[in-house]
PDB file of N, CA and C in Angstrom:
ATOM      1  N   MET A   1      46.532 124.238  59.515  1.00  0.00           N
ATOM      2  CA  MET A   1      46.837 124.008  60.909  1.00  0.00           C
ATOM      3  C   MET A   1      48.081 124.819  61.290  1.00  0.00           C
ATOM      4  N   LYS A   2      48.016 125.529  62.409  1.00  0.00           N
ATOM      5  CA  LYS A   2      49.133 126.339  62.878  1.00  0.00           C
ATOM      6  C   LYS A   2      50.205 125.447  63.487  1.00  0.00           C
ATOM      7  N   ASN A   3      51.478 125.825  63.255  1.00  0.00           N
ATOM      8  CA  ASN A   3      52.548 125.075  63.901  1.00  0.00           C
ATOM      9  C   ASN A   3      52.820 125.658  65.288  1.00  0.00           C
ATOM     10  N   ILE A   4      53.634 124.993  66.048  1.00  0.00           N
ATOM     11  CA  ILE A   4      53.863 125.367  67.440  1.00  0.00           C
ATOM     12  C   ILE A   4      54.464 126.767  67.555  1.00  0.00           C
ATOM     13  N   LYS A   5      55.289 127.137  66.613  1.00  0.00           N
ATOM     14  CA  LYS A   5      55.893 128.472  66.609  1.00  0.00           C
ATOM     15  C   LYS A   5      54.811 129.545  66.504  1.00  0.00           C
ATOM     16  N   GLU A   6      53.875 129.350  65.587  1.00  0.00           N
ATOM     17  CA  GLU A   6      52.778 130.304  65.407  1.00  0.00           C
ATOM     18  C   GLU A   6      51.876 130.351  66.640  1.00  0.00           C
ATOM     19  N   ILE A   7      51.634 129.203  67.242  1.00  0.00           N
ATOM     20  CA  ILE A   7      50.773 129.140  68.432  1.00  0.00           C
ATOM     21  C   ILE A   7      51.397 129.904  69.594  1.00  0.00           C
ATOM     22  N   ILE A   8      52.690 129.691  69.826  1.00  0.00           N
ATOM     23  CA  ILE A   8      53.364 130.391  70.922  1.00  0.00           C
ATOM     24  C   ILE A   8      53.383 131.903  70.665  1.00  0.00           C
ATOM     25  N   LYS A   9      53.653 132.307  69.430  1.00  0.00           N
ATOM     26  CA  LYS A   9      53.621 133.732  69.087  1.00  0.00           C
ATOM     27  C   LYS A   9      52.238 134.325  69.361  1.00  0.00           C
ATOM     28  N   GLU A  10      51.207 133.630  68.925  1.00  0.00           N
ATOM     29  CA  GLU A  10      49.839 134.115  69.088  1.00  0.00           C
ATOM     30  C   GLU A  10      49.465 134.271  70.565  1.00  0.00           C
ATOM     31  N   ILE A  11      49.764 133.266  71.368  1.00  0.00           N
ATOM     32  CA  ILE A  11      49.478 133.329  72.798  1.00  0.00           C
ATOM     33  C   ILE A  11      50.265 134.472  73.440  1.00  0.00           C
ATOM     34  N   SER A  12      51.528 134.592  73.080  1.00  0.00           N
ATOM     35  CA  SER A  12      52.400 135.614  73.667  1.00  0.00           C
ATOM     36  C   SER A  12      51.966 137.023  73.301  1.00  0.00           C
ATOM     37  N   GLU A  13      51.588 137.227  72.051  1.00  0.00           N
ATOM     38  CA  GLU A  13      51.198 138.554  71.587  1.00  0.00           C
ATOM     39  C   GLU A  13      49.911 139.047  72.260  1.00  0.00           C
ATOM     40  N   LYS A  14      49.115 138.139  72.787  1.00  0.00           N
ATOM     41  CA  LYS A  14      47.894 138.530  73.519  1.00  0.00           C
ATOM     42  C   LYS A  14      48.214 139.051  74.912  1.00  0.00           C
ATOM     43  N   SER A  15      49.410 138.780  75.386  1.00  0.00           N
ATOM     44  CA  SER A  15      49.806 139.178  76.729  1.00  0.00           C
ATOM     45  C   SER A  15      50.897 140.237  76.649  1.00  0.00           C
ATOM     46  N   ILE A  16      50.490 141.491  76.683  1.00  0.00           N
ATOM     47  CA  ILE A  16      51.461 142.574  76.503  1.00  0.00           C
ATOM     48  C   ILE A  16      52.043 143.076  77.823  1.00  0.00           C
ATOM     49  N   ASN A  17      51.425 142.718  78.950  1.00  0.00           N
ATOM     50  CA  ASN A  17      51.895 143.227  80.233  1.00  0.00           C
ATOM     51  C   ASN A  17      52.431 142.158  81.172  1.00  0.00           C
ATOM     52  N   GLN A  18      52.121 140.902  80.915  1.00  0.00           N
ATOM     53  CA  GLN A  18      52.528 139.835  81.820  1.00  0.00           C
ATOM     54  C   GLN A  18      53.123 138.678  81.039  1.00  0.00           C
ATOM     55  N   GLU A  19      54.044 137.990  81.692  1.00  0.00           N
ATOM     56  CA  GLU A  19      54.615 136.792  81.083  1.00  0.00           C
ATOM     57  C   GLU A  19      53.591 135.665  81.127  1.00  0.00           C
ATOM     58  N   ILE A  20      53.464 134.961  80.023  1.00  0.00           N
ATOM     59  CA  ILE A  20      52.627 133.759  79.964  1.00  0.00           C
ATOM     60  C   ILE A  20      53.574 132.570  80.013  1.00  0.00           C
ATOM     61  N   CYS A  21      53.051 131.420  80.393  1.00  0.00           N
ATOM     62  CA  CYS A  21      53.939 130.263  80.490  1.00  0.00           C
ATOM     63  C   CYS A  21      53.167 128.974  80.284  1.00  0.00           C
ATOM     64  N   GLY A  22      53.920 127.921  80.034  1.00  0.00           N
ATOM     65  CA  GLY A  22      53.298 126.624  79.852  1.00  0.00           C
ATOM     66  C   GLY A  22      54.311 125.590  79.382  1.00  0.00           C
ATOM     67  N   PHE A  23      53.759 124.524  78.849  1.00  0.00           N
ATOM     68  CA  PHE A  23      54.559 123.383  78.424  1.00  0.00           C
ATOM     69  C   PHE A  23      54.328 123.114  76.944  1.00  0.00           C
ATOM     70  N   ILE A  24      55.382 122.723  76.259  1.00  0.00           N
ATOM     71  CA  ILE A  24      55.287 122.274  74.874  1.00  0.00           C
ATOM     72  C   ILE A  24      55.352 120.755  74.929  1.00  0.00           C
ATOM     73  N   CYS A  25      54.320 120.121  74.389  1.00  0.00           N
ATOM     74  CA  CYS A  25      54.203 118.659  74.438  1.00  0.00           C
ATOM     75  C   CYS A  25      54.192 118.102  73.023  1.00  0.00           C
ATOM     76  N   PHE A  26      54.421 116.794  72.908  1.00  0.00           N
ATOM     77  CA  PHE A  26      54.431 116.154  71.593  1.00  0.00           C
ATOM     78  C   PHE A  26      53.716 114.815  71.650  1.00  0.00           C
ATOM     79  N   ASN A  27      52.834 114.606  70.666  1.00  0.00           N
ATOM     80  CA  ASN A  27      52.171 113.329  70.432  1.00  0.00           C
ATOM     81  C   ASN A  27      51.720 113.359  68.976  1.00  0.00           C
ATOM     82  N   ASP A  28      52.548 112.955  68.065  1.00  0.00           N
ATOM     83  CA  ASP A  28      52.360 113.067  66.613  1.00  0.00           C
ATOM     84  C   ASP A  28      52.558 114.499  66.119  1.00  0.00           C
ATOM     85  N   ASN A  29      52.127 115.487  66.892  1.00  0.00           N
ATOM     86  CA  ASN A  29      52.323 116.904  66.602  1.00  0.00           C
ATOM     87  C   ASN A  29      52.635 117.623  67.910  1.00  0.00           C
ATOM     88  N   PHE A  30      53.242 118.796  67.802  1.00  0.00           N
ATOM     89  CA  PHE A  30      53.482 119.605  68.991  1.00  0.00           C
ATOM     90  C   PHE A  30      52.202 120.333  69.380  1.00  0.00           C
ATOM     91  N   TYR A  31      52.008 120.510  70.659  1.00  0.00           N
ATOM     92  CA  TYR A  31      50.881 121.290  71.175  1.00  0.00           C
ATOM     93  C   TYR A  31      51.292 121.944  72.483  1.00  0.00           C
ATOM     94  N   VAL A  32      50.519 122.961  72.868  1.00  0.00           N
ATOM     95  CA  VAL A  32      50.817 123.751  74.063  1.00  0.00           C
ATOM     96  C   VAL A  32      49.824 123.428  75.159  1.00  0.00           C
ATOM     97  N   LYS A  33      50.344 123.335  76.366  1.00  0.00           N
ATOM     98  CA  LYS A  33      49.524 123.262  77.579  1.00  0.00           C
ATOM     99  C   LYS A  33      49.881 124.507  78.383  1.00  0.00           C
ATOM    100  N   GLN A  34      49.098 125.558  78.197  1.00  0.00           N
ATOM    101  CA  GLN A  34      49.353 126.804  78.922  1.00  0.00           C
ATOM    102  C   GLN A  34      48.870 126.661  80.359  1.00  0.00           C
ATOM    103  N   VAL A  35      49.627 127.223  81.296  1.00  0.00           N
ATOM    104  CA  VAL A  35      49.254 127.211  82.709  1.00  0.00           C
ATOM    105  C   VAL A  35      49.268 128.644  83.227  1.00  0.00           C
ATOM    106  N   SER A  36      48.664 128.839  84.374  1.00  0.00           N
ATOM    107  CA  SER A  36      48.648 130.166  84.991  1.00  0.00           C
ATOM    108  C   SER A  36      50.039 130.545  85.466  1.00  0.00           C
ATOM    109  N   ASN A  37      50.383 131.786  85.236  1.00  0.00           N
ATOM    110  CA  ASN A  37      51.623 132.315  85.780  1.00  0.00           C
ATOM    111  C   ASN A  37      51.345 132.674  87.240  1.00  0.00           C
ATOM    112  N   ARG A  38      51.937 131.937  88.144  1.00  0.00           N
ATOM    113  CA  ARG A  38      51.670 132.120  89.569  1.00  0.00           C
ATOM    114  C   ARG A  38      52.719 132.995  90.265  1.00  0.00           C
ATOM    115  N   ALA A  39      53.493 133.730  89.483  1.00  0.00           N
ATOM    116  CA  ALA A  39      54.500 134.623  90.058  1.00  0.00           C
ATOM    117  C   ALA A  39      53.828 135.773  90.798  1.00  0.00           C
ATOM    118  N   SER A  40      54.470 136.221  91.852  1.00  0.00           N
ATOM    119  CA  SER A  40      53.943 137.367  92.595  1.00  0.00           C
ATOM    120  C   SER A  40      54.060 138.656  91.779  1.00  0.00           C
ATOM    121  N   ASN A  41      54.969 138.661  90.815  1.00  0.00           N
ATOM    122  CA  ASN A  41      55.164 139.816  89.942  1.00  0.00           C
ATOM    123  C   ASN A  41      55.232 139.325  88.490  1.00  0.00           C
ATOM    124  N   PRO A  42      54.083 138.934  87.896  1.00  0.00           N
ATOM    125  CA  PRO A  42      54.090 138.281  86.575  1.00  0.00           C
ATOM    126  C   PRO A  42      54.506 139.169  85.409  1.00  0.00           C
ATOM    127  N   ASP A  43      54.638 140.465  85.636  1.00  0.00           N
ATOM    128  CA  ASP A  43      55.119 141.311  84.547  1.00  0.00           C
ATOM    129  C   ASP A  43      56.644 141.248  84.425  1.00  0.00           C
ATOM    130  N   VAL A  44      57.306 140.629  85.413  1.00  0.00           N
ATOM    131  CA  VAL A  44      58.759 140.550  85.421  1.00  0.00           C
ATOM    132  C   VAL A  44      59.272 139.114  85.290  1.00  0.00           C
ATOM    133  N   TYR A  45      58.565 138.158  85.824  1.00  0.00           N
ATOM    134  CA  TYR A  45      59.002 136.769  85.726  1.00  0.00           C
ATOM    135  C   TYR A  45      57.816 135.824  85.774  1.00  0.00           C
ATOM    136  N   PHE A  46      58.093 134.518  85.605  1.00  0.00           N
ATOM    137  CA  PHE A  46      57.029 133.523  85.608  1.00  0.00           C
ATOM    138  C   PHE A  46      57.302 132.467  86.667  1.00  0.00           C
ATOM    139  N   HIS A  47      56.246 131.832  87.083  1.00  0.00           N
ATOM    140  CA  HIS A  47      56.357 130.709  88.021  1.00  0.00           C
ATOM    141  C   HIS A  47      55.225 129.727  87.705  1.00  0.00           C
ATOM    142  N   MET A  48      55.585 128.468  87.510  1.00  0.00           N
ATOM    143  CA  MET A  48      54.596 127.420  87.270  1.00  0.00           C
ATOM    144  C   MET A  48      54.508 126.559  88.520  1.00  0.00           C
ATOM    145  N   SER A  49      53.292 126.202  88.890  1.00  0.00           N
ATOM    146  CA  SER A  49      53.140 125.401  90.098  1.00  0.00           C
ATOM    147  C   SER A  49      53.548 123.954  89.862  1.00  0.00           C
ATOM    148  N   THR A  50      54.004 123.332  90.911  1.00  0.00           N
ATOM    149  CA  THR A  50      54.366 121.918  90.860  1.00  0.00           C
ATOM    150  C   THR A  50      53.151 121.068  90.523  1.00  0.00           C
ATOM    151  N   ILE A  51      51.999 121.447  91.036  1.00  0.00           N
ATOM    152  CA  ILE A  51      50.762 120.694  90.767  1.00  0.00           C
ATOM    153  C   ILE A  51      50.423 120.749  89.281  1.00  0.00           C
ATOM    154  N   ASP A  52      50.531 121.931  88.673  1.00  0.00           N
ATOM    155  CA  ASP A  52      50.289 122.035  87.225  1.00  0.00           C
ATOM    156  C   ASP A  52      51.240 121.128  86.454  1.00  0.00           C
ATOM    157  N   TYR A  53      52.520 121.179  86.828  1.00  0.00           N
ATOM    158  CA  TYR A  53      53.525 120.355  86.151  1.00  0.00           C
ATOM    159  C   TYR A  53      53.189 118.867  86.271  1.00  0.00           C
ATOM    160  N   LEU A  54      52.898 118.419  87.478  1.00  0.00           N
ATOM    161  CA  LEU A  54      52.610 116.993  87.684  1.00  0.00           C
ATOM    162  C   LEU A  54      51.334 116.563  86.969  1.00  0.00           C
ATOM    163  N   ASP A  55      50.308 117.423  86.977  1.00  0.00           N
ATOM    164  CA  ASP A  55      49.053 117.099  86.276  1.00  0.00           C
ATOM    165  C   ASP A  55      49.287 116.945  84.776  1.00  0.00           C
ATOM    166  N   ILE A  56      50.068 117.841  84.204  1.00  0.00           N
ATOM    167  CA  ILE A  56      50.324 117.778  82.758  1.00  0.00           C
ATOM    168  C   ILE A  56      51.257 116.625  82.421  1.00  0.00           C
ATOM    169  N   LYS A  57      52.281 116.415  83.231  1.00  0.00           N
ATOM    170  CA  LYS A  57      53.253 115.341  82.983  1.00  0.00           C
ATOM    171  C   LYS A  57      52.594 113.962  83.014  1.00  0.00           C
ATOM    172  N   LYS A  58      51.561 113.832  83.817  1.00  0.00           N
ATOM    173  CA  LYS A  58      50.861 112.554  83.980  1.00  0.00           C
ATOM    174  C   LYS A  58      50.302 112.017  82.660  1.00  0.00           C
ATOM    175  N   ASN A  59      49.808 112.902  81.791  1.00  0.00           N
ATOM    176  CA  ASN A  59      49.127 112.456  80.576  1.00  0.00           C
ATOM    177  C   ASN A  59      49.709 113.029  79.286  1.00  0.00           C
ATOM    178  N   ASN A  60      50.882 113.655  79.375  1.00  0.00           N
ATOM    179  CA  ASN A  60      51.452 114.308  78.196  1.00  0.00           C
ATOM    180  C   ASN A  60      52.957 114.069  78.129  1.00  0.00           C
ATOM    181  N   ASN A  61      53.476 114.075  76.919  1.00  0.00           N
ATOM    182  CA  ASN A  61      54.906 113.958  76.676  1.00  0.00           C
ATOM    183  C   ASN A  61      55.486 115.374  76.605  1.00  0.00           C
ATOM    184  N   ILE A  62      55.977 115.877  77.740  1.00  0.00           N
ATOM    185  CA  ILE A  62      56.507 117.242  77.791  1.00  0.00           C
ATOM    186  C   ILE A  62      57.897 117.277  77.161  1.00  0.00           C
ATOM    187  N   VAL A  63      58.067 118.221  76.227  1.00  0.00           N
ATOM    188  CA  VAL A  63      59.349 118.386  75.548  1.00  0.00           C
ATOM    189  C   VAL A  63      60.103 119.603  76.095  1.00  0.00           C
ATOM    190  N   ALA A  64      59.377 120.668  76.452  1.00  0.00           N
ATOM    191  CA  ALA A  64      60.020 121.897  76.923  1.00  0.00           C
ATOM    192  C   ALA A  64      59.024 122.756  77.688  1.00  0.00           C
ATOM    193  N   ILE A  65      59.562 123.726  78.419  1.00  0.00           N
ATOM    194  CA  ILE A  65      58.729 124.775  78.995  1.00  0.00           C
ATOM    195  C   ILE A  65      58.851 125.991  78.092  1.00  0.00           C
ATOM    196  N   PHE A  66      57.864 126.889  78.153  1.00  0.00           N
ATOM    197  CA  PHE A  66      57.964 128.126  77.382  1.00  0.00           C
ATOM    198  C   PHE A  66      57.375 129.275  78.182  1.00  0.00           C
ATOM    199  N   HIS A  67      57.848 130.449  77.862  1.00  0.00           N
ATOM    200  CA  HIS A  67      57.237 131.677  78.363  1.00  0.00           C
ATOM    201  C   HIS A  67      57.656 132.823  77.450  1.00  0.00           C
ATOM    202  N   ASN A  68      57.038 133.955  77.638  1.00  0.00           N
ATOM    203  CA  ASN A  68      57.380 135.116  76.819  1.00  0.00           C
ATOM    204  C   ASN A  68      58.020 136.201  77.678  1.00  0.00           C
ATOM    205  N   HIS A  69      58.681 137.117  76.998  1.00  0.00           N
ATOM    206  CA  HIS A  69      59.182 138.343  77.595  1.00  0.00           C
ATOM    207  C   HIS A  69      58.432 139.488  76.902  1.00  0.00           C
ATOM    208  N   PRO A  70      57.412 140.034  77.554  1.00  0.00           N
ATOM    209  CA  PRO A  70      56.603 141.071  76.899  1.00  0.00           C
ATOM    210  C   PRO A  70      57.375 142.336  76.519  1.00  0.00           C
ATOM    211  N   THR A  71      58.344 142.731  77.345  1.00  0.00           N
ATOM    212  CA  THR A  71      59.028 144.003  77.087  1.00  0.00           C
ATOM    213  C   THR A  71      60.548 143.863  77.029  1.00  0.00           C
ATOM    214  N   TYR A  72      61.039 142.652  76.973  1.00  0.00           N
ATOM    215  CA  TYR A  72      62.482 142.412  76.929  1.00  0.00           C
ATOM    216  C   TYR A  72      62.825 141.549  75.714  1.00  0.00           C
ATOM    217  N   THR A  73      64.113 141.396  75.482  1.00  0.00           N
ATOM    218  CA  THR A  73      64.554 140.539  74.386  1.00  0.00           C
ATOM    219  C   THR A  73      64.321 139.074  74.751  1.00  0.00           C
ATOM    220  N   GLU A  74      64.644 138.214  73.819  1.00  0.00           N
ATOM    221  CA  GLU A  74      64.471 136.774  74.020  1.00  0.00           C
ATOM    222  C   GLU A  74      65.593 136.150  74.841  1.00  0.00           C
ATOM    223  N   SER A  75      66.570 136.922  75.262  1.00  0.00           N
ATOM    224  CA  SER A  75      67.673 136.388  76.069  1.00  0.00           C
ATOM    225  C   SER A  75      67.137 135.750  77.347  1.00  0.00           C
ATOM    226  N   GLN A  76      67.669 134.587  77.657  1.00  0.00           N
ATOM    227  CA  GLN A  76      67.241 133.859  78.858  1.00  0.00           C
ATOM    228  C   GLN A  76      67.926 134.466  80.083  1.00  0.00           C
ATOM    229  N   SER A  77      67.133 134.797  81.086  1.00  0.00           N
ATOM    230  CA  SER A  77      67.684 135.350  82.329  1.00  0.00           C
ATOM    231  C   SER A  77      68.288 134.228  83.167  1.00  0.00           C
ATOM    232  N   VAL A  78      69.010 134.607  84.194  1.00  0.00           N
ATOM    233  CA  VAL A  78      69.549 133.627  85.140  1.00  0.00           C
ATOM    234  C   VAL A  78      68.399 132.831  85.747  1.00  0.00           C
ATOM    235  N   PHE A  79      67.300 133.512  86.071  1.00  0.00           N
ATOM    236  CA  PHE A  79      66.126 132.841  86.628  1.00  0.00           C
ATOM    237  C   PHE A  79      65.562 131.824  85.633  1.00  0.00           C
ATOM    238  N   ASP A  80      65.451 132.210  84.361  1.00  0.00           N
ATOM    239  CA  ASP A  80      64.929 131.301  83.326  1.00  0.00           C
ATOM    240  C   ASP A  80      65.777 130.037  83.243  1.00  0.00           C
ATOM    241  N   LYS A  81      67.086 130.219  83.249  1.00  0.00           N
ATOM    242  CA  LYS A  81      67.994 129.082  83.157  1.00  0.00           C
ATOM    243  C   LYS A  81      67.918 128.200  84.406  1.00  0.00           C
ATOM    244  N   THR A  82      67.796 128.828  85.561  1.00  0.00           N
ATOM    245  CA  THR A  82      67.678 128.071  86.811  1.00  0.00           C
ATOM    246  C   THR A  82      66.397 127.248  86.817  1.00  0.00           C
ATOM    247  N   MET A  83      65.295 127.843  86.348  1.00  0.00           N
ATOM    248  CA  MET A  83      64.025 127.118  86.268  1.00  0.00           C
ATOM    249  C   MET A  83      64.175 125.900  85.364  1.00  0.00           C
ATOM    250  N   ALA A  84      64.812 126.069  84.211  1.00  0.00           N
ATOM    251  CA  ALA A  84      65.015 124.950  83.278  1.00  0.00           C
ATOM    252  C   ALA A  84      65.898 123.872  83.897  1.00  0.00           C
ATOM    253  N   GLU A  85      66.944 124.287  84.574  1.00  0.00           N
ATOM    254  CA  GLU A  85      67.834 123.321  85.238  1.00  0.00           C
ATOM    255  C   GLU A  85      67.078 122.539  86.310  1.00  0.00           C
ATOM    256  N   ASN A  86      66.267 123.235  87.094  1.00  0.00           N
ATOM    257  CA  ASN A  86      65.537 122.585  88.193  1.00  0.00           C
ATOM    258  C   ASN A  86      64.486 121.598  87.709  1.00  0.00           C
ATOM    259  N   ILE A  87      63.856 121.905  86.582  1.00  0.00           N
ATOM    260  CA  ILE A  87      62.786 121.038  86.078  1.00  0.00           C
ATOM    261  C   ILE A  87      63.311 120.035  85.046  1.00  0.00           C
ATOM    262  N   CYS A  88      64.605 120.180  84.670  1.00  0.00           N
ATOM    263  CA  CYS A  88      65.268 119.287  83.701  1.00  0.00           C
ATOM    264  C   CYS A  88      64.576 119.283  82.343  1.00  0.00           C
ATOM    265  N   LEU A  89      64.142 120.477  81.919  1.00  0.00           N
ATOM    266  CA  LEU A  89      63.501 120.634  80.616  1.00  0.00           C
ATOM    267  C   LEU A  89      64.076 121.863  79.912  1.00  0.00           C
ATOM    268  N   PRO A  90      64.211 121.807  78.599  1.00  0.00           N
ATOM    269  CA  PRO A  90      64.637 122.987  77.854  1.00  0.00           C
ATOM    270  C   PRO A  90      63.641 124.128  78.047  1.00  0.00           C
ATOM    271  N   SER A  91      64.151 125.340  77.941  1.00  0.00           N
ATOM    272  CA  SER A  91      63.328 126.544  78.084  1.00  0.00           C
ATOM    273  C   SER A  91      63.300 127.299  76.765  1.00  0.00           C
ATOM    274  N   ILE A  92      62.108 127.580  76.289  1.00  0.00           N
ATOM    275  CA  ILE A  92      61.903 128.367  75.072  1.00  0.00           C
ATOM    276  C   ILE A  92      61.344 129.719  75.502  1.00  0.00           C
ATOM    277  N   VAL A  93      61.944 130.801  75.012  1.00  0.00           N
ATOM    278  CA  VAL A  93      61.456 132.151  75.305  1.00  0.00           C
ATOM    279  C   VAL A  93      61.115 132.839  73.995  1.00  0.00           C
ATOM    280  N   TYR A  94      59.954 133.493  73.971  1.00  0.00           N
ATOM    281  CA  TYR A  94      59.557 134.330  72.843  1.00  0.00           C
ATOM    282  C   TYR A  94      59.525 135.775  73.329  1.00  0.00           C
ATOM    283  N   SER A  95      60.137 136.677  72.573  1.00  0.00           N
ATOM    284  CA  SER A  95      60.125 138.095  72.920  1.00  0.00           C
ATOM    285  C   SER A  95      59.060 138.820  72.105  1.00  0.00           C
ATOM    286  N   ASN A  96      58.108 139.444  72.809  1.00  0.00           N
ATOM    287  CA  ASN A  96      57.119 140.277  72.127  1.00  0.00           C
ATOM    288  C   ASN A  96      57.802 141.492  71.499  1.00  0.00           C
ATOM    289  N   LEU A  97      58.915 141.910  72.085  1.00  0.00           N
ATOM    290  CA  LEU A  97      59.637 143.092  71.624  1.00  0.00           C
ATOM    291  C   LEU A  97      60.371 142.843  70.304  1.00  0.00           C
ATOM    292  N   THR A  98      61.167 141.774  70.245  1.00  0.00           N
ATOM    293  CA  THR A  98      61.981 141.506  69.047  1.00  0.00           C
ATOM    294  C   THR A  98      61.332 140.527  68.074  1.00  0.00           C
ATOM    295  N   LYS A  99      60.289 139.823  68.545  1.00  0.00           N
ATOM    296  CA  LYS A  99      59.593 138.798  67.741  1.00  0.00           C
ATOM    297  C   LYS A  99      60.484 137.586  67.462  1.00  0.00           C
ATOM    298  N   ASN A 100      61.468 137.355  68.332  1.00  0.00           N
ATOM    299  CA  ASN A 100      62.401 136.237  68.173  1.00  0.00           C
ATOM    300  C   ASN A 100      62.276 135.244  69.324  1.00  0.00           C
ATOM    301  N   PHE A 101      62.796 134.050  69.084  1.00  0.00           N
ATOM    302  CA  PHE A 101      62.820 132.976  70.070  1.00  0.00           C
ATOM    303  C   PHE A 101      64.247 132.720  70.535  1.00  0.00           C
ATOM    304  N   SER A 102      64.372 132.135  71.722  1.00  0.00           N
ATOM    305  CA  SER A 102      65.651 131.598  72.178  1.00  0.00           C
ATOM    306  C   SER A 102      65.376 130.276  72.874  1.00  0.00           C
ATOM    307  N   ILE A 103      66.432 129.488  73.006  1.00  0.00           N
ATOM    308  CA  ILE A 103      66.311 128.207  73.712  1.00  0.00           C
ATOM    309  C   ILE A 103      67.507 128.054  74.646  1.00  0.00           C
ATOM    310  N   PHE A 104      67.226 127.497  75.808  1.00  0.00           N
ATOM    311  CA  PHE A 104      68.275 127.103  76.740  1.00  0.00           C
ATOM    312  C   PHE A 104      68.057 125.632  77.047  1.00  0.00           C
ATOM    313  N   ILE A 105      69.104 124.843  76.871  1.00  0.00           N
ATOM    314  CA  ILE A 105      69.016 123.406  77.133  1.00  0.00           C
ATOM    315  C   ILE A 105      69.899 123.084  78.334  1.00  0.00           C
ATOM    316  N   PRO A 106      69.274 122.658  79.431  1.00  0.00           N
ATOM    317  CA  PRO A 106      70.075 122.324  80.618  1.00  0.00           C
ATOM    318  C   PRO A 106      70.952 121.097  80.385  1.00  0.00           C
ATOM    319  N   ASP A 107      71.933 120.914  81.255  1.00  0.00           N
ATOM    320  CA  ASP A 107      72.844 119.773  81.135  1.00  0.00           C
ATOM    321  C   ASP A 107      72.106 118.446  81.222  1.00  0.00           C
ATOM    322  N   SER A 108      71.092 118.378  82.051  1.00  0.00           N
ATOM    323  CA  SER A 108      70.310 117.150  82.221  1.00  0.00           C
ATOM    324  C   SER A 108      68.871 117.426  81.799  1.00  0.00           C
ATOM    325  N   ILE A 109      68.370 116.634  80.837  1.00  0.00           N
ATOM    326  CA  ILE A 109      66.985 116.825  80.392  1.00  0.00           C
ATOM    327  C   ILE A 109      66.219 115.514  80.474  1.00  0.00           C
ATOM    328  N   THR A 110      64.903 115.648  80.694  1.00  0.00           N
ATOM    329  CA  THR A 110      64.035 114.472  80.748  1.00  0.00           C
ATOM    330  C   THR A 110      63.267 114.284  79.450  1.00  0.00           C
ATOM    331  N   SER A 111      63.317 115.265  78.557  1.00  0.00           N
ATOM    332  CA  SER A 111      62.569 115.146  77.303  1.00  0.00           C
ATOM    333  C   SER A 111      63.314 114.254  76.310  1.00  0.00           C
ATOM    334  N   ASP A 112      62.552 113.680  75.410  1.00  0.00           N
ATOM    335  CA  ASP A 112      63.105 112.832  74.371  1.00  0.00           C
ATOM    336  C   ASP A 112      63.955 113.683  73.431  1.00  0.00           C
ATOM    337  N   VAL A 113      65.175 113.269  73.167  1.00  0.00           N
ATOM    338  CA  VAL A 113      66.117 114.030  72.346  1.00  0.00           C
ATOM    339  C   VAL A 113      65.582 114.213  70.924  1.00  0.00           C
ATOM    340  N   LYS A 114      64.958 113.188  70.361  1.00  0.00           N
ATOM    341  CA  LYS A 114      64.408 113.296  68.997  1.00  0.00           C
ATOM    342  C   LYS A 114      63.296 114.341  68.946  1.00  0.00           C
ATOM    343  N   ASP A 115      62.431 114.345  69.956  1.00  0.00           N
ATOM    344  CA  ASP A 115      61.355 115.347  70.009  1.00  0.00           C
ATOM    345  C   ASP A 115      61.929 116.752  70.159  1.00  0.00           C
ATOM    346  N   LEU A 116      62.969 116.886  70.956  1.00  0.00           N
ATOM    347  CA  LEU A 116      63.617 118.192  71.136  1.00  0.00           C
ATOM    348  C   LEU A 116      64.233 118.669  69.825  1.00  0.00           C
ATOM    349  N   GLU A 117      64.885 117.790  69.092  1.00  0.00           N
ATOM    350  CA  GLU A 117      65.466 118.181  67.800  1.00  0.00           C
ATOM    351  C   GLU A 117      64.370 118.602  66.817  1.00  0.00           C
ATOM    352  N   ARG A 118      63.249 117.890  66.809  1.00  0.00           N
ATOM    353  CA  ARG A 118      62.103 118.273  65.956  1.00  0.00           C
ATOM    354  C   ARG A 118      61.617 119.670  66.329  1.00  0.00           C
ATOM    355  N   LEU A 119      61.486 119.919  67.643  1.00  0.00           N
ATOM    356  CA  LEU A 119      61.008 121.216  68.124  1.00  0.00           C
ATOM    357  C   LEU A 119      61.959 122.332  67.700  1.00  0.00           C
ATOM    358  N   LYS A 120      63.250 122.119  67.857  1.00  0.00           N
ATOM    359  CA  LYS A 120      64.236 123.126  67.437  1.00  0.00           C
ATOM    360  C   LYS A 120      64.113 123.389  65.949  1.00  0.00           C
ATOM    361  N   GLY A 121      63.870 122.343  65.162  1.00  0.00           N
ATOM    362  CA  GLY A 121      63.706 122.527  63.728  1.00  0.00           C
ATOM    363  C   GLY A 121      62.500 123.372  63.378  1.00  0.00           C
ATOM    364  N   VAL A 122      61.412 123.151  64.050  1.00  0.00           N
ATOM    365  CA  VAL A 122      60.184 123.923  63.779  1.00  0.00           C
ATOM    366  C   VAL A 122      60.357 125.373  64.194  1.00  0.00           C
ATOM    367  N   ILE A 123      60.939 125.612  65.342  1.00  0.00           N
ATOM    368  CA  ILE A 123      61.032 126.977  65.860  1.00  0.00           C
ATOM    369  C   ILE A 123      62.155 127.779  65.198  1.00  0.00           C
ATOM    370  N   PHE A 124      63.285 127.168  64.930  1.00  0.00           N
ATOM    371  CA  PHE A 124      64.436 127.937  64.472  1.00  0.00           C
ATOM    372  C   PHE A 124      64.769 127.787  62.998  1.00  0.00           C
ATOM    373  N   ASN A 125      64.130 126.864  62.274  1.00  0.00           N
ATOM    374  CA  ASN A 125      64.468 126.672  60.861  1.00  0.00           C
ATOM    375  C   ASN A 125      63.341 127.012  59.907  1.00  0.00           C
ATOM    376  N   ASP A 126      62.225 127.472  60.422  1.00  0.00           N
ATOM    377  CA  ASP A 126      61.114 127.844  59.523  1.00  0.00           C
ATOM    378  C   ASP A 126      61.262 129.252  59.007  1.00  0.00           C
TER     379      ASP A 126
END
């Protein structure tokens, strides 16, 4: 069984021209709920709809949001950090270029702290 790190890498590597995005959820194991990138310019940034967020939140334990940077490093942009702050969820970025991950944790989060620590362990300590 693939772990969440491998799943995010696999999804991201399939998208070489556009940012992909979604939610990392937890229920005994981590899993991904990928959503459509609704940005007007998806090769530069991502946008998730409020409806997608509410639909997924209704039946899933969301721990973080994720997206990739197809041609940039894993550094979180000001936009990435603002999105995380607005949705009160940590942001995970995978860079197709460097093959590395980054995380930004906003001051206020709605995810379970224990689940977030587990996620950080899987992504950054493997």
